[in-house]
Amino acid sequence: QLLDLSLFGWSDRIWSIPVWPDIQLLQVDVPADVDFIPCSTAHLDFHAGGMAMLRGKDAFTSETVEVLDVLTDGLQLKRNTQLSWPTGSRLYPARAAQLLEEPTLTKLTDRLVEAEVRFLVVEACDWPEWLPTTLYRGRPVWDRRPDDTDDLAQASERLRSTFDTGLAQPLITDAARRPLQVFGQRHLDLGREARARVRSFIYGMRGRQKVVWVPTHMADLSLVAPASSVAGTLDFENVGYTRFSNGRPGRRDIRIELWDGTVIMRRLLGGTELSADVERVALDAALGVDVQLHQVARISWMVLCRFAADTQEIEHMTDSEGVAAWATVFREERDDEF
């Protein structure tokens, strides 16, 4: 009944919408006519000048308040609360939003309907941006290992153009003269801090504006001989690097990960086949540490990428203290000049 009448009267208005995953329960009573709400604020979507919503056990009992300042121990309000809220009441950040379209109500019984409702937030979000501080050749490195409990897709694209007059064999031209990698990642995050970091990374990428180096996190090359700290070459199992790549962009940057957590990133300048089993590749700089075979966890290619789409979606399985999933697709960017 409430849903029917509220949509009838206010569906074209601006609504105050809770950020549902950021729920918390009040740990103390909040009486009426006070201008401060003690609560947790770290890694939650509260912001100065924004809103918060207090809610009881049902949709008939709620109060939206304006936030003057966000403090480490609570919210300073612009105006005093009008209702008293006992311990255990729900508290959410809230955003101004508008319905994207009139929702379709599905009748289940004479007193029960179901609807999927989509809102567009109509206020700017000042969530902090963040990009990894680890740099390689002047660009950030997104080296967070994805969750691979599900199959992750990886493909190659070529910038092919076809000229066909219909009178002769079509002329097919590869503009980039090499394949560009496209691969998916999926991340599972537990807790507010980890989820906030992923969200800040998404904001930091600004859709498809920014680029980062992304490792494949695959065992792409296999070291067959120990390497000294001053050596300028590495010996790998022969997998056709000299024949098929040999320093070409897209397959020339590697990330060496050791079992103790040490990470070494280098550029391969070219290679030669020592035998049918071994290839020797030249490095742009010495490793700086001695590396034994048993120390190597994996050696992966690194690719300069941007998001394949401007829109990124986070799936919240639980509230912000629990689990959320984020799946995305990275598309390789030409790195010939780097």
Protein backbone atom coordinates (compact mmCIF):
# COMPACT_ATOMS: atom_id res chain seq x y z
CA GLN A 1 0.00 0.00 0.00
CA LEU A 2 2.80 2.41 0.91
CA LEU A 3 4.75 1.52 -2.24
CA ASP A 4 1.73 2.06 -4.47
CA LEU A 5 0.90 5.48 -3.08
CA SER A 6 4.49 6.74 -2.83
CA LEU A 7 5.13 5.85 -6.49
CA PHE A 8 1.83 7.43 -7.51
CA GLY A 9 2.56 10.72 -5.78
CA TRP A 10 6.35 11.06 -5.86
CA SER A 11 7.79 8.94 -8.66
CA ASP A 12 9.02 12.05 -10.52
CA ARG A 13 10.61 13.67 -7.44
CA ILE A 14 14.05 13.47 -5.87
CA TRP A 15 14.32 10.73 -3.27
CA SER A 16 16.68 10.18 -0.35
CA ILE A 17 18.11 6.70 -0.96
CA PRO A 18 20.16 4.80 1.64
CA VAL A 19 23.46 3.33 0.53
CA TRP A 20 22.22 -0.09 1.58
CA PRO A 21 25.54 -1.98 1.91
CA ASP A 22 26.91 0.68 4.30
CA ILE A 23 24.47 -0.22 7.08
CA GLN A 24 25.49 -0.10 10.73
CA LEU A 25 23.57 -0.47 13.96
CA LEU A 26 23.66 2.28 16.57
CA GLN A 27 25.76 1.23 19.57
CA VAL A 28 24.18 3.83 21.88
CA ASP A 29 20.83 5.58 22.17
CA VAL A 30 20.47 8.79 20.14
CA PRO A 31 17.84 11.01 21.77
CA ALA A 32 15.72 13.57 19.97
CA ASP A 33 17.00 17.14 19.56
CA VAL A 34 20.73 16.36 19.38
CA ASP A 35 23.21 17.42 16.68
CA PHE A 36 25.68 14.52 16.91
CA ILE A 37 25.36 10.81 16.10
CA PRO A 38 28.11 8.57 17.51
CA CYS A 39 28.96 5.99 14.84
CA SER A 40 31.66 4.49 12.65
CA THR A 41 32.59 6.58 9.59
CA ALA A 42 35.77 4.98 8.18
CA HIS A 43 35.43 3.59 4.63
CA LEU A 44 31.73 4.47 4.49
CA ASP A 45 29.92 6.77 2.07
CA PHE A 46 29.34 9.64 4.49
CA HIS A 47 30.46 13.08 3.35
CA ALA A 48 30.21 16.64 4.61
CA GLY A 49 27.17 18.34 3.10
CA GLY A 50 25.52 15.01 2.40
CA MET A 51 22.79 13.05 4.10
CA ALA A 52 22.37 10.13 6.46
CA MET A 53 19.27 8.09 7.20
CA LEU A 54 18.13 6.59 10.49
CA ARG A 55 15.66 3.74 10.11
CA GLY A 56 13.61 1.58 12.43
CA LYS A 57 12.29 -1.91 11.86
CA ASP A 58 10.03 -0.94 8.96
CA ALA A 59 9.77 1.61 6.15
CA PHE A 60 7.29 3.73 8.10
CA THR A 61 9.90 4.75 10.67
CA SER A 62 12.81 6.75 9.29
CA GLU A 63 14.50 10.13 9.51
CA THR A 64 16.88 11.74 7.05
CA VAL A 65 19.43 14.15 8.52
CA GLU A 66 21.93 16.51 6.88
CA VAL A 67 25.61 16.03 7.70
CA LEU A 68 27.65 19.10 8.57
CA ASP A 69 30.94 17.26 9.13
CA VAL A 70 32.20 13.69 9.19
CA LEU A 71 34.36 12.97 12.24
CA THR A 72 36.25 9.84 13.16
CA ASP A 73 33.80 9.05 15.96
CA GLY A 74 30.53 10.17 14.41
CA LEU A 75 28.47 12.64 12.39
CA GLN A 76 28.04 16.32 13.20
CA LEU A 77 24.61 17.36 11.96
CA LYS A 78 23.39 20.65 10.47
CA ARG A 79 20.12 20.42 12.41
CA ASN A 80 19.08 18.47 15.47
CA THR A 81 17.33 15.12 15.21
CA GLN A 82 13.54 15.13 15.46
CA LEU A 83 13.04 11.58 16.74
CA SER A 84 14.75 9.47 19.38
CA TRP A 85 16.58 6.38 18.15
CA PRO A 86 17.33 3.45 20.47
CA THR A 87 20.41 1.27 20.36
CA GLY A 88 20.24 -1.13 17.43
CA SER A 89 18.53 1.29 15.05
CA ARG A 90 19.85 1.24 11.50
CA LEU A 91 22.06 4.04 10.20
CA TYR A 92 22.99 4.52 6.54
CA PRO A 93 24.70 7.12 4.37
CA ALA A 94 22.11 8.50 1.96
CA ARG A 95 22.17 10.01 -1.52
CA ALA A 96 19.76 12.16 -3.52
CA ALA A 97 18.46 10.07 -6.42
CA GLN A 98 15.75 9.97 -9.06
CA LEU A 99 13.94 7.05 -10.64
CA LEU A 100 15.34 6.17 -14.05
CA GLU A 101 11.97 4.86 -15.19
CA GLU A 102 8.58 4.02 -13.76
CA PRO A 103 8.95 0.58 -12.15
CA THR A 104 6.78 -2.34 -13.21
CA LEU A 105 4.98 -3.95 -10.29
CA THR A 106 4.47 -7.71 -10.41
CA LYS A 107 1.44 -8.90 -8.46
CA LEU A 108 2.18 -11.95 -6.34
CA THR A 109 -0.89 -11.84 -4.10
CA ASP A 110 -3.57 -9.24 -3.37
CA ARG A 111 -1.29 -7.75 -0.67
CA LEU A 112 2.14 -8.49 -2.10
CA VAL A 113 3.89 -7.03 -5.13
CA GLU A 114 7.45 -7.24 -6.41
CA ALA A 115 9.38 -4.55 -8.26
CA GLU A 116 12.88 -3.91 -9.52
CA VAL A 117 13.64 -0.23 -9.06
CA ARG A 118 16.61 1.64 -10.58
CA PHE A 119 17.74 5.04 -9.31
CA LEU A 120 20.20 7.55 -10.72
CA VAL A 121 22.14 9.45 -8.05
CA VAL A 122 21.80 13.15 -8.88
CA GLU A 123 24.60 14.52 -6.72
CA ALA A 124 28.35 14.46 -7.26
CA CYS A 125 30.36 11.87 -5.37
CA ASP A 126 33.65 12.93 -3.81
CA TRP A 127 34.83 9.42 -2.97
CA PRO A 128 38.66 9.55 -2.88
CA GLU A 129 40.53 8.40 -5.97
CA TRP A 130 43.50 6.05 -5.70
CA LEU A 131 45.98 4.45 -8.07
CA PRO A 132 48.74 1.99 -7.08
CA THR A 133 51.95 3.59 -5.86
CA THR A 134 54.11 0.88 -7.44
CA LEU A 135 55.33 2.26 -10.77
CA TYR A 136 56.88 0.66 -13.83
CA ARG A 137 58.20 2.87 -16.60
CA GLY A 138 56.30 5.81 -15.11
CA ARG A 139 52.89 4.08 -14.99
CA PRO A 140 51.07 2.45 -12.00
CA VAL A 141 51.05 -1.33 -11.69
CA TRP A 142 47.74 -3.03 -10.78
CA ASP A 143 49.25 -6.25 -9.48
CA ARG A 144 46.39 -7.44 -7.29
CA ARG A 145 45.92 -11.12 -7.96
CA PRO A 146 42.36 -11.84 -9.18
CA ASP A 147 40.11 -14.55 -7.84
CA ASP A 148 40.42 -17.48 -10.23
CA THR A 149 37.95 -19.89 -8.66
CA ASP A 150 35.82 -19.13 -11.73
CA ASP A 151 37.20 -19.35 -15.26
CA LEU A 152 38.64 -16.01 -16.43
CA ALA A 153 38.48 -15.17 -20.13
CA GLN A 154 41.50 -13.99 -22.09
CA ALA A 155 41.51 -13.10 -25.77
CA SER A 156 43.40 -11.15 -28.43
CA GLU A 157 42.08 -8.46 -30.75
CA ARG A 158 43.62 -7.06 -33.91
CA LEU A 159 42.80 -3.64 -35.35
CA ARG A 160 41.92 -5.05 -38.74
CA SER A 161 40.46 -2.98 -41.54
CA THR A 162 39.07 -4.64 -44.67
CA PHE A 163 38.88 -3.06 -48.14
CA ASP A 164 36.73 -5.10 -50.48
CA THR A 165 35.58 -3.83 -53.89
CA GLY A 166 33.91 -7.10 -54.69
CA LEU A 167 36.10 -7.45 -57.78
CA ALA A 168 39.23 -9.02 -56.27
CA GLN A 169 40.65 -10.56 -53.14
CA PRO A 170 39.83 -8.32 -50.13
CA LEU A 171 42.71 -6.28 -48.70
CA ILE A 172 42.98 -6.87 -44.96
CA THR A 173 45.30 -4.54 -43.00
CA ASP A 174 46.34 -4.88 -39.36
CA ALA A 175 46.72 -1.24 -38.24
CA ALA A 176 48.53 -2.07 -34.98
CA ARG A 177 50.58 -4.87 -36.57
CA ARG A 178 50.17 -6.97 -33.46
CA PRO A 179 47.37 -8.42 -31.32
CA LEU A 180 46.05 -6.44 -28.36
CA GLN A 181 45.18 -8.44 -25.27
CA VAL A 182 41.75 -8.43 -23.63
CA PHE A 183 41.36 -10.29 -20.35
CA GLY A 184 38.93 -10.39 -17.48
CA GLN A 185 39.51 -10.18 -13.77
CA ARG A 186 37.26 -10.91 -10.82
CA HIS A 187 37.97 -9.79 -7.28
CA LEU A 188 36.32 -10.85 -4.04
CA ASP A 189 36.75 -8.45 -1.14
CA LEU A 190 36.04 -8.92 2.54
CA GLY A 191 35.57 -5.96 4.84
CA ARG A 192 35.15 -2.25 4.43
CA GLU A 193 38.79 -1.32 3.94
CA ALA A 194 39.40 -3.74 1.06
CA ARG A 195 36.15 -2.80 -0.65
CA ALA A 196 36.87 0.91 -0.24
CA ARG A 197 40.31 0.43 -1.86
CA VAL A 198 38.78 -1.26 -4.91
CA ARG A 199 36.19 1.49 -5.24
CA SER A 200 38.90 4.15 -5.00
CA PHE A 201 40.85 2.36 -7.73
CA ILE A 202 37.78 2.40 -9.98
CA TYR A 203 37.38 6.13 -9.34
CA GLY A 204 41.10 6.68 -9.92
CA MET A 205 40.91 5.04 -13.35
CA ARG A 206 38.21 7.58 -14.34
CA GLY A 207 36.47 5.18 -16.66
CA ARG A 208 38.76 4.59 -19.63
CA GLN A 209 40.95 7.67 -19.11
CA LYS A 210 43.84 6.12 -17.16
CA VAL A 211 46.23 3.26 -17.94
CA VAL A 212 47.94 0.78 -15.64
CA TRP A 213 50.30 -2.14 -16.10
CA VAL A 214 48.44 -5.39 -15.48
CA PRO A 215 50.23 -8.75 -15.07
CA THR A 216 48.60 -11.84 -16.53
CA HIS A 217 49.29 -13.71 -13.24
CA MET A 218 50.09 -16.75 -15.40
CA ALA A 219 53.25 -18.83 -15.53
CA ASP A 220 54.12 -17.41 -18.95
CA LEU A 221 57.87 -18.10 -18.86
CA SER A 222 59.93 -20.74 -17.06
CA LEU A 223 63.43 -19.98 -15.79
CA VAL A 224 65.86 -22.86 -16.40
CA ALA A 225 69.07 -21.48 -14.87
CA PRO A 226 69.88 -19.40 -11.77
CA ALA A 227 70.48 -15.69 -12.36
CA SER A 228 72.98 -13.50 -10.55
CA SER A 229 72.26 -10.00 -9.33
CA VAL A 230 74.51 -8.44 -12.00
CA ALA A 231 73.51 -10.62 -14.94
CA GLY A 232 72.00 -8.87 -17.95
CA THR A 233 70.41 -12.01 -19.37
CA LEU A 234 68.03 -14.79 -18.32
CA ASP A 235 67.76 -18.34 -19.63
CA PHE A 236 64.22 -19.54 -20.23
CA GLU A 237 62.67 -22.74 -21.43
CA ASN A 238 62.34 -22.46 -25.21
CA VAL A 239 58.71 -21.54 -25.92
CA GLY A 240 59.28 -19.58 -29.13
CA TYR A 241 60.01 -16.13 -27.69
CA THR A 242 62.88 -15.51 -30.10
CA ARG A 243 60.84 -16.70 -33.05
CA PHE A 244 57.48 -15.06 -32.37
CA SER A 245 58.10 -12.01 -30.16
CA ASN A 246 61.77 -11.10 -29.67
CA GLY A 247 61.30 -7.70 -28.03
CA ARG A 248 58.07 -6.68 -29.74
CA PRO A 249 55.60 -4.51 -27.77
CA GLY A 250 52.98 -6.50 -25.93
CA ARG A 251 55.32 -9.36 -25.11
CA ARG A 252 58.43 -7.69 -23.76
CA ASP A 253 57.65 -6.72 -20.15
CA ILE A 254 57.78 -9.32 -17.38
CA ARG A 255 57.00 -9.51 -13.69
CA ILE A 256 59.10 -11.98 -11.70
CA GLU A 257 57.41 -12.95 -8.43
CA LEU A 258 59.41 -14.84 -5.81
CA TRP A 259 57.94 -16.99 -3.07
CA ASP A 260 59.13 -14.55 -0.39
CA GLY A 261 57.03 -11.75 -1.95
CA THR A 262 59.85 -10.01 -3.82
CA VAL A 263 58.75 -8.65 -7.20
CA ILE A 264 61.11 -7.70 -10.04
CA MET A 265 59.87 -6.03 -13.22
CA ARG A 266 62.03 -5.83 -16.31
CA ARG A 267 61.85 -5.29 -20.07
CA LEU A 268 63.14 -7.94 -22.46
CA LEU A 269 65.24 -6.49 -25.28
CA GLY A 270 65.50 -9.59 -27.44
CA GLY A 271 66.51 -13.20 -27.38
CA THR A 272 68.49 -15.96 -29.04
CA GLU A 273 67.95 -19.71 -29.14
CA LEU A 274 70.80 -21.53 -27.40
CA SER A 275 69.27 -24.92 -28.17
CA ALA A 276 65.96 -26.55 -28.87
CA ASP A 277 65.25 -26.36 -25.13
CA VAL A 278 66.73 -23.05 -23.98
CA GLU A 279 66.40 -19.39 -25.02
CA ARG A 280 68.54 -16.57 -23.67
CA VAL A 281 66.94 -13.14 -23.41
CA ALA A 282 68.58 -9.76 -22.72
CA LEU A 283 67.28 -7.48 -19.97
CA ASP A 284 67.13 -3.70 -19.93
CA ALA A 285 68.72 -3.77 -16.44
CA ALA A 286 70.25 -6.32 -14.11
CA LEU A 287 67.95 -8.01 -11.60
CA GLY A 288 69.77 -6.60 -8.57
CA VAL A 289 69.26 -9.81 -6.56
CA ASP A 290 70.41 -13.38 -6.98
CA VAL A 291 67.56 -15.63 -8.11
CA GLN A 292 67.57 -19.40 -7.69
CA LEU A 293 65.10 -21.63 -9.51
CA HIS A 294 63.31 -22.76 -6.34
CA GLN A 295 62.68 -19.13 -5.37
CA VAL A 296 60.54 -18.30 -8.41
CA ALA A 297 56.77 -18.48 -7.91
CA ARG A 298 55.89 -17.34 -11.45
CA ILE A 299 57.06 -15.14 -14.29
CA SER A 300 54.19 -13.29 -15.99
CA TRP A 301 53.84 -10.94 -18.90
CA MET A 302 52.76 -7.40 -18.08
CA VAL A 303 50.48 -5.43 -20.37
CA LEU A 304 49.64 -1.72 -20.36
CA CYS A 305 45.84 -1.57 -20.10
CA ARG A 306 42.80 0.55 -19.51
CA PHE A 307 39.26 -0.49 -18.61
CA ALA A 308 37.28 -1.83 -21.54
CA ALA A 309 34.21 0.13 -20.36
CA ASP A 310 33.49 3.33 -18.44
CA THR A 311 30.91 1.63 -16.24
CA GLN A 312 32.08 -0.66 -13.44
CA GLU A 313 29.74 -2.68 -11.25
CA ILE A 314 30.31 -3.92 -7.70
CA GLU A 315 28.06 -6.73 -6.51
CA HIS A 316 27.35 -6.64 -2.78
CA MET A 317 26.59 -10.10 -1.40
CA THR A 318 26.33 -8.74 2.14
CA ASP A 319 26.72 -5.39 3.86
CA SER A 320 30.01 -3.49 3.72
CA GLU A 321 31.60 -5.56 6.50
CA GLY A 322 31.09 -8.72 4.46
CA VAL A 323 31.75 -9.85 0.92
CA ALA A 324 31.51 -8.01 -2.39
CA ALA A 325 32.57 -8.98 -5.90
CA TRP A 326 33.86 -6.85 -8.75
CA ALA A 327 34.39 -8.18 -12.25
CA THR A 328 35.99 -6.13 -15.01
CA VAL A 329 37.68 -6.41 -18.38
CA PHE A 330 41.05 -4.83 -19.19
CA ARG A 331 41.95 -3.96 -22.78
CA GLU A 332 45.55 -3.50 -23.85
CA GLU A 333 46.75 -0.05 -24.84
CA ARG A 334 49.61 0.44 -27.29
CA ASP A 335 52.79 1.01 -25.29
CA ASP A 336 55.26 1.50 -28.14
CA GLU A 337 56.41 4.86 -26.76
CA PHE A 338 56.98 3.71 -23.16
